[in-house]
């Protein structure tokens, strides 16, 4: 995926924003910019010096925005400026902005307030989980459409067959087996992902979380105990793929399919019971994950949605 670097020099000192050039099917509106970088510095000096926060070029939330932020305080300010509060998301009053944090702030462990640490952690992780689920759901919707054609006795196009073959390889099933794929190509409950990440990473403060962008305790063979990822979202995607493909979690996938067949919402608290083999702690681990879901009202976030058409401006640096 290609990204456009967005450096509002005067308004966001210390913060690098990276906007994907072609993350979505809908093309971006044409602009007069021909450079790969759009900078506030392109304004006349008099305008740049006086640039208020409201004049920062707005970011369309239909485009993902990757944030590299060096402090929890600054990240919290950005969330506030985007009117992003978990209470509003829980109440169904607000969607989740497409703010994708590249790495957890290094000072997260040093915050005096436990509540602030939790808020920053969950606010940072929620859009990442939703974004990974969005890609999975896109593939699932396409699979269901192909299954519908199959039931009608219609053959898919060459392009669809090639895509189906690639997806089969990715999810480790027999080539073109749509029924087998539908067991695996499905979303991970938000509450479950948030709870497991909090338990495994100590609210994003563990060494693996801070140095390896690994929030879920993934291992990478005998040479390196824990896997490492370039970005947090890569670790989230790996976690989802692990639950969706590893033989140890076939029970998770079967239970999820049963919920789908019964037309029930995916329930992270319920599905946690199927992850006995995720940790050597067994039932104690499941108890901790479920306590995390209940204690932090994470089930209320299972219906959270990424924003589709809201536009935000970002705050000036203090």
Foldseek 3Di string as FASTA:
>chain_A
DAWQWEPAPFFDPQKTKIWHCPPDPDHDDDDPDPDSYDYNVVDPPVCSVVPALVNFPKDWQLIAIEIEHQDLVQLVQQCVQVVHFVVCLLVVNDFQGRYAYFADHQCLVVDPDPVSLLRSLLSNCLNLLQVLQVVLVVVLVVLVVCVVCVVVVHDDDPVVLVVQQVLCVLQVHPRPPSVLVNLQSHGDQQLLLSLQLCVQCVSQNRPCRHPFLARRQDQDDDVGGGHGDSGVSVNSNVVSSCCRHPPLNSVLSVVQVVCVVVVHQDASLVSLLSVQPSDPVGPVVNVSSNCSCVVVVSRSNRPHHYDNGDIGGGGGDD
